[in-house]
Amino acid sequence: MKKGITLIALIITVIVLLIISGTAVSLGLGSDSIYEKTDNTVKKWNEKVDEENNTLNELLSFMPNPNVLSAQELYENASTYFGWDVTNYAETLPEELQDIEWQLLYAGPLEDETESRIYLISKKYVNYTQLPKKNNVSLVEVTNGSGKTAKFAGDDNSGMMLQYSGSSDITESKIKNLNKKYFNYLTNNNLTSTEPNIKAVAYMLDTDIWADYAGNYAEYAIGGPTVELLFSAYNQYKNLTGQNKFISDVNDKKGYTYTVPGTIESDTETKDNPFSVSNIQSNVTGYNIASPYGLDKQYIISIYSGGTIGAHSHYNSSGWAFRPVVVLNTGCKLEKVKNGNNDALRIVY
């Protein structure tokens, strides 16, 4: 007798297989399937990983970055950082100003002030064509081949001198504080000045006309450092104290006198020096300081290319250029970076 399966057995076997396969499909693809449970587990794992990464990043954000320096840290290490290039300042300026290089002039409080700020200065003299106008009136260009020098007025005191009244044009406290000794003297003696030298200074401290230089990173820009800002920066840079300090004073409404122990180092002596620019290529005598000179109402203070502190007439001088200064927004810090092979700084918040 031949052995085999009966038709009934075959049907039963098929039914059993169908039941088993249906159960497997249900377990694998149903609403509570193995695949779904596995997928949910992977998603929960990834969510936990993301949460832990976010927590770690948050904790790291509270840890100080040794390469990011506040104004106070820069002030305490002035001899190291003053004069370093600041690489990313010009990128937010109008296109016609983006070729200007910037360096750290000063960081810290001004004399008798408590708030620390960061001040940048143009590394070289700016071009005459980059100097702002007032009421569509330009400075008088000095044609000595440099393309950088200008006078505040012609011999008849016309031009820019007619656009300003004098000390009354300088009204903001933050701008007056840059020449604090001078304005304190005027206030304490109930004086104002309409002398030509303060009109020239008013042009340099007119934040409205210099606004294009401020960009996104600066609170305001001016046409050059004041003598108080410059001396604060240099004294800190050289760690000068007592009789070795560069000191300014005001005893007359005409402006400042000063006591200096010598010349300011030029950038030929110290590569990163932000205080004076050498005369090798520019054919410029020096640059204007935004402070009136106290011994002659026609004169403003200036720095010669070799580093000598001096003064010159606002109208009868040739070879004087401008190095604008910007004051960075509160909260800005500077981060140490490399600019090619050189140490440099970049602005961060």
Protein backbone atom coordinates (compact mmCIF):
# COMPACT_ATOMS: atom_id res chain seq x y z
CA MET A 1 0.00 0.00 0.00
CA LYS A 2 1.45 3.39 -1.04
CA LYS A 3 2.00 6.03 1.62
CA GLY A 4 0.91 9.71 1.13
CA ILE A 5 -1.13 12.48 2.58
CA THR A 6 -4.80 12.60 2.19
CA LEU A 7 -6.63 15.59 0.78
CA ILE A 8 -7.98 16.41 4.22
CA ALA A 9 -4.48 16.42 5.74
CA LEU A 10 -3.26 18.68 2.96
CA ILE A 11 -6.06 21.15 3.54
CA ILE A 12 -5.41 21.16 7.27
CA THR A 13 -1.70 21.78 6.63
CA VAL A 14 -2.43 24.70 4.33
CA ILE A 15 -4.83 26.22 6.85
CA VAL A 16 -2.24 25.92 9.61
CA LEU A 17 0.42 27.57 7.41
CA LEU A 18 -1.96 30.39 6.55
CA ILE A 19 -2.68 30.98 10.23
CA ILE A 20 1.02 31.01 11.06
CA SER A 21 1.90 33.39 8.21
CA GLY A 22 -0.99 35.69 9.12
CA THR A 23 0.22 35.87 12.69
CA ALA A 24 3.75 36.65 11.51
CA VAL A 25 2.55 39.40 9.22
CA SER A 26 0.42 40.83 12.01
CA LEU A 27 3.39 40.86 14.39
CA GLY A 28 5.65 42.45 11.80
CA LEU A 29 3.34 45.04 10.26
CA GLY A 30 0.55 45.74 12.70
CA SER A 31 0.01 48.83 14.79
CA ASP A 32 2.09 47.36 17.57
CA SER A 33 4.49 45.51 15.33
CA ILE A 34 8.10 44.60 15.94
CA TYR A 35 9.16 46.93 13.14
CA GLU A 36 7.20 49.81 14.64
CA LYS A 37 8.59 49.13 18.10
CA THR A 38 12.11 49.04 16.66
CA ASP A 39 11.53 52.28 14.77
CA ASN A 40 10.16 54.00 17.88
CA THR A 41 13.12 52.81 19.91
CA VAL A 42 15.57 54.26 17.36
CA LYS A 43 13.69 57.58 17.32
CA LYS A 44 13.70 57.80 21.12
CA TRP A 45 17.42 56.99 21.15
CA ASN A 46 18.16 59.76 18.64
CA GLU A 47 16.04 62.22 20.61
CA LYS A 48 18.00 61.42 23.76
CA VAL A 49 21.29 61.86 21.92
CA ASP A 50 20.11 65.27 20.64
CA GLU A 51 19.03 66.28 24.16
CA GLU A 52 22.41 65.30 25.59
CA ASN A 53 24.27 67.17 22.83
CA ASN A 54 22.17 70.29 23.45
CA THR A 55 22.84 70.06 27.18
CA LEU A 56 26.57 69.62 26.53
CA ASN A 57 26.66 72.61 24.16
CA GLU A 58 24.79 74.72 26.69
CA LEU A 59 27.28 73.80 29.40
CA LEU A 60 30.21 74.54 27.07
CA SER A 61 28.76 77.97 26.29
CA PHE A 62 29.23 78.92 29.94
CA MET A 63 32.89 77.90 29.90
CA PRO A 64 35.27 80.77 29.10
CA ASN A 65 37.02 80.62 25.74
CA PRO A 66 40.64 81.65 26.37
CA ASN A 67 40.87 83.07 22.85
CA VAL A 68 37.97 85.51 23.34
CA LEU A 69 39.03 88.66 25.16
CA SER A 70 36.90 91.33 26.82
CA ALA A 71 37.83 95.02 26.90
CA GLN A 72 39.13 94.59 30.44
CA GLU A 73 41.30 91.60 29.48
CA LEU A 74 42.71 93.53 26.53
CA TYR A 75 43.39 96.49 28.84
CA GLU A 76 45.27 94.30 31.30
CA ASN A 77 47.42 92.90 28.47
CA ALA A 78 47.82 96.13 26.50
CA SER A 79 51.47 95.64 25.57
CA THR A 80 50.51 92.38 23.87
CA TYR A 81 47.30 93.25 22.03
CA PHE A 82 47.22 97.01 21.34
CA GLY A 83 48.03 97.41 17.66
CA TRP A 84 46.92 93.95 16.50
CA ASP A 85 44.98 93.89 13.25
CA VAL A 86 41.21 93.41 13.52
CA THR A 87 40.36 91.38 10.46
CA ASN A 88 36.58 91.50 10.11
CA TYR A 89 35.67 95.11 10.94
CA ALA A 90 35.65 96.51 7.39
CA GLU A 91 33.36 93.79 5.98
CA THR A 92 30.20 95.63 7.11
CA LEU A 93 31.28 99.04 5.79
CA PRO A 94 30.17 100.54 2.47
CA GLU A 95 32.12 99.18 -0.49
CA GLU A 96 34.15 102.35 -0.91
CA LEU A 97 35.52 101.97 2.65
CA GLN A 98 36.17 98.23 2.68
CA ASP A 99 39.82 98.62 1.65
CA ILE A 100 40.61 100.31 5.00
CA GLU A 101 42.50 98.11 7.45
CA TRP A 102 41.83 98.44 11.18
CA GLN A 103 43.80 97.76 14.33
CA LEU A 104 43.19 97.86 18.05
CA LEU A 105 44.02 101.30 19.44
CA TYR A 106 42.73 100.98 22.99
CA ALA A 107 40.52 98.90 25.22
CA GLY A 108 39.51 99.93 28.71
CA PRO A 109 38.17 102.97 30.54
CA LEU A 110 39.12 106.55 29.78
CA GLU A 111 40.64 108.62 32.58
CA ASP A 112 38.20 109.03 35.50
CA GLU A 113 35.73 106.70 33.74
CA THR A 114 34.62 103.22 34.79
CA GLU A 115 33.13 101.73 31.62
CA SER A 116 35.55 99.78 29.44
CA ARG A 117 35.14 100.08 25.68
CA ILE A 118 37.09 98.88 22.64
CA TYR A 119 38.49 101.47 20.19
CA LEU A 120 39.81 100.68 16.72
CA ILE A 121 41.81 103.01 14.46
CA SER A 122 42.48 102.86 10.74
CA LYS A 123 45.87 101.27 10.25
CA LYS A 124 46.95 103.80 7.62
CA TYR A 125 45.82 107.24 6.53
CA VAL A 126 42.52 107.20 4.65
CA ASN A 127 42.24 108.68 1.17
CA TYR A 128 41.04 112.24 0.65
CA THR A 129 38.10 110.90 -1.38
CA GLN A 130 37.00 108.89 1.68
CA LEU A 131 36.70 111.94 3.92
CA PRO A 132 33.08 112.96 4.61
CA LYS A 133 31.44 116.19 3.56
CA LYS A 134 29.29 118.48 5.71
CA ASN A 135 26.31 120.07 3.97
CA ASN A 136 27.95 119.00 0.70
CA VAL A 137 31.07 120.99 1.58
CA SER A 138 34.45 119.22 1.35
CA LEU A 139 37.74 119.79 3.10
CA VAL A 140 40.41 121.54 1.03
CA GLU A 141 42.59 118.93 -0.68
CA VAL A 142 46.35 119.36 -0.41
CA THR A 143 47.87 118.16 -3.67
CA ASN A 144 51.22 116.75 -2.60
CA GLY A 145 50.96 113.45 -4.43
CA SER A 146 49.75 111.43 -1.47
CA GLY A 147 46.02 111.61 -2.20
CA LYS A 148 45.42 111.63 1.56
CA THR A 149 45.99 115.12 2.94
CA ALA A 150 43.58 118.00 3.48
CA LYS A 151 43.09 121.34 5.22
CA PHE A 152 39.98 122.33 7.14
CA ALA A 153 39.70 125.65 5.30
CA GLY A 154 41.40 127.97 2.88
CA ASP A 155 43.25 131.11 3.94
CA ASP A 156 39.97 133.02 4.27
CA ASN A 157 38.55 130.53 6.81
CA SER A 158 35.77 129.63 4.41
CA GLY A 159 34.52 126.16 3.52
CA MET A 160 34.28 123.80 6.46
CA MET A 161 34.78 126.59 9.00
CA LEU A 162 31.39 128.01 8.01
CA GLN A 163 29.62 124.73 8.71
CA TYR A 164 30.29 124.74 12.47
CA SER A 165 29.76 127.25 15.27
CA GLY A 166 32.29 125.86 17.76
CA SER A 167 32.04 123.99 21.04
CA SER A 168 28.23 124.27 21.01
CA ASP A 169 28.15 121.83 18.06
CA ILE A 170 29.47 119.05 20.29
CA THR A 171 26.52 118.12 22.47
CA GLU A 172 26.55 114.38 23.21
CA SER A 173 28.03 113.42 26.58
CA LYS A 174 29.83 110.38 25.19
CA ILE A 175 31.60 112.59 22.64
CA LYS A 176 32.39 115.34 25.13
CA ASN A 177 33.92 112.70 27.41
CA LEU A 178 36.56 112.02 24.75
CA ASN A 179 37.79 115.60 25.44
CA LYS A 180 36.57 115.55 29.02
CA LYS A 181 39.12 117.96 30.51
CA TYR A 182 38.36 120.56 27.86
CA PHE A 183 34.59 120.47 28.22
CA ASN A 184 34.81 120.36 32.01
CA TYR A 185 36.92 123.52 31.85
CA LEU A 186 34.34 125.26 29.65
CA THR A 187 31.46 124.16 31.88
CA ASN A 188 33.18 125.05 35.15
CA ASN A 189 34.01 128.53 33.83
CA ASN A 190 30.70 129.06 32.04
CA LEU A 191 32.46 129.39 28.70
CA THR A 192 31.94 128.42 25.09
CA SER A 193 34.40 128.60 22.25
CA THR A 194 33.90 129.74 18.67
CA GLU A 195 37.60 129.63 17.82
CA PRO A 196 38.68 128.07 14.52
CA ASN A 197 40.46 125.14 16.17
CA ILE A 198 37.32 123.90 17.96
CA LYS A 199 35.40 124.20 14.69
CA ALA A 200 37.97 121.87 13.11
CA VAL A 201 37.56 119.52 16.06
CA ALA A 202 33.76 119.70 15.69
CA TYR A 203 34.17 118.33 12.15
CA MET A 204 36.27 115.44 13.44
CA LEU A 205 33.80 114.64 16.23
CA ASP A 206 30.66 114.93 14.08
CA THR A 207 29.32 111.39 14.37
CA ASP A 208 26.63 112.06 11.77
CA ILE A 209 29.05 112.70 8.91
CA TRP A 210 31.37 109.86 9.98
CA ALA A 211 28.49 107.37 10.32
CA ASP A 212 29.48 105.32 7.24
CA TYR A 213 32.62 104.30 9.12
CA ALA A 214 30.59 102.79 11.97
CA GLY A 215 29.19 99.77 10.10
CA ASN A 216 27.39 97.06 12.07
CA TYR A 217 29.99 96.56 14.78
CA ALA A 218 30.48 100.11 16.08
CA GLU A 219 28.33 102.45 18.12
CA TYR A 220 29.87 105.48 16.42
CA ALA A 221 32.87 106.70 14.43
CA ILE A 222 34.91 109.92 14.58
CA GLY A 223 37.66 111.45 12.44
CA GLY A 224 40.57 110.60 14.74
CA PRO A 225 41.56 110.00 18.36
CA THR A 226 41.40 112.77 20.92
CA VAL A 227 44.51 113.60 22.92
CA GLU A 228 42.99 112.10 26.08
CA LEU A 229 42.17 108.84 24.29
CA LEU A 230 45.59 108.70 22.66
CA PHE A 231 47.49 109.33 25.90
CA SER A 232 45.36 106.82 27.83
CA ALA A 233 46.14 104.20 25.19
CA TYR A 234 49.86 104.93 24.99
CA ASN A 235 50.39 105.11 28.74
CA GLN A 236 48.70 101.73 29.14
CA TYR A 237 50.52 100.22 26.14
CA LYS A 238 53.92 101.25 27.52
CA ASN A 239 52.92 100.84 31.19
CA LEU A 240 53.98 104.42 31.90
CA THR A 241 53.51 105.83 35.39
CA GLY A 242 54.35 108.98 37.33
CA GLN A 243 56.62 111.45 35.55
CA ASN A 244 56.97 109.09 32.59
CA LYS A 245 53.31 109.42 31.60
CA PHE A 246 52.01 111.46 28.68
CA ILE A 247 49.76 114.06 30.34
CA SER A 248 47.30 116.57 28.91
CA ASP A 249 45.77 119.57 30.67
CA VAL A 250 43.44 122.51 29.93
CA ASN A 251 43.88 126.00 31.36
CA ASP A 252 42.39 128.07 28.57
CA LYS A 253 39.34 127.82 26.36
CA LYS A 254 41.62 127.63 23.33
CA GLY A 255 42.41 124.00 24.24
CA TYR A 256 44.99 121.55 25.55
CA THR A 257 48.58 121.77 26.61
CA TYR A 258 50.55 118.63 27.25
CA THR A 259 53.59 117.25 29.00
CA VAL A 260 55.35 114.38 27.26
CA PRO A 261 58.57 112.59 28.21
CA GLY A 262 59.56 112.01 24.59
CA THR A 263 58.22 110.91 21.23
CA ILE A 264 55.70 108.17 20.62
CA GLU A 265 57.20 105.08 19.05
CA SER A 266 56.56 104.85 15.32
CA ASP A 267 55.46 101.69 13.57
CA THR A 268 58.98 101.33 12.15
CA GLU A 269 60.17 100.63 15.69
CA THR A 270 57.32 98.35 16.74
CA LYS A 271 55.41 96.55 13.98
CA ASP A 272 52.02 96.51 15.70
CA ASN A 273 52.26 100.06 17.08
CA PRO A 274 48.90 101.80 16.41
CA PHE A 275 49.99 105.29 17.47
CA SER A 276 52.06 106.72 14.64
CA VAL A 277 52.44 105.81 10.98
CA SER A 278 55.79 105.97 9.22
CA ASN A 279 56.32 108.32 6.30
CA ILE A 280 57.94 105.73 4.03
CA GLN A 281 55.25 105.50 1.35
CA SER A 282 52.50 107.96 2.10
CA ASN A 283 54.31 111.34 1.79
CA VAL A 284 52.27 112.58 4.76
CA THR A 285 53.59 114.75 7.60
CA GLY A 286 51.35 113.12 10.19
CA TYR A 287 47.72 112.93 11.27
CA ASN A 288 45.17 115.11 13.02
CA ILE A 289 44.15 114.65 16.64
CA ALA A 290 40.57 115.64 17.49
CA SER A 291 41.56 118.10 20.24
CA PRO A 292 42.19 121.87 20.12
CA TYR A 293 45.65 123.19 21.01
CA GLY A 294 45.75 125.55 23.97
CA LEU A 295 48.51 127.92 22.85
CA ASP A 296 47.01 129.06 19.56
CA LYS A 297 43.34 129.30 18.59
CA GLN A 298 44.19 128.35 15.00
CA TYR A 299 45.91 125.07 15.95
CA ILE A 300 44.83 121.52 16.63
CA ILE A 301 47.03 118.79 18.09
CA SER A 302 48.74 116.35 15.74
CA ILE A 303 51.22 113.50 15.61
CA TYR A 304 54.13 113.58 13.19
CA SER A 305 55.02 110.43 11.30
CA GLY A 306 58.09 109.96 13.48
CA GLY A 307 56.01 110.01 16.66
CA THR A 308 56.50 113.61 17.81
CA ILE A 309 53.47 115.24 19.46
CA GLY A 310 52.86 118.67 17.96
CA ALA A 311 50.23 121.07 16.68
CA HIS A 312 49.45 122.73 13.37
CA SER A 313 47.19 125.36 11.87
CA HIS A 314 43.82 124.17 10.68
CA TYR A 315 44.21 126.11 7.41
CA ASN A 316 47.86 126.94 6.74
CA SER A 317 49.36 123.46 6.87
CA SER A 318 50.04 120.81 4.30
CA GLY A 319 50.67 117.12 4.61
CA TRP A 320 48.19 116.28 7.40
CA ALA A 321 45.90 113.27 7.08
CA PHE A 322 43.16 111.44 8.99
CA ARG A 323 42.95 108.13 10.82
CA PRO A 324 39.31 107.57 11.82
CA VAL A 325 38.47 105.88 15.13
CA VAL A 326 35.47 103.67 15.89
CA VAL A 327 34.03 102.62 19.24
CA LEU A 328 32.70 99.07 19.18
CA ASN A 329 29.23 98.24 20.46
CA THR A 330 28.85 97.29 24.10
CA GLY A 331 29.14 93.51 24.33
CA CYS A 332 31.68 93.17 21.54
CA LYS A 333 34.78 91.14 22.32
CA LEU A 334 37.86 90.29 20.28
CA GLU A 335 38.91 86.76 19.46
CA LYS A 336 42.50 85.75 18.77
CA VAL A 337 42.91 84.34 15.26
CA LYS A 338 45.57 83.90 12.61
CA ASN A 339 45.75 86.26 9.64
CA GLY A 340 48.08 84.33 7.39
CA ASN A 341 51.17 83.79 9.55
CA ASN A 342 50.41 86.75 11.81
CA ASP A 343 48.47 86.96 15.05
CA ALA A 344 45.30 89.00 14.70
CA LEU A 345 41.89 89.65 16.25
CA ARG A 346 38.32 89.38 15.02
CA ILE A 347 35.13 90.87 16.48
CA VAL A 348 32.69 88.50 18.20
CA TYR A 349 29.67 88.97 20.44
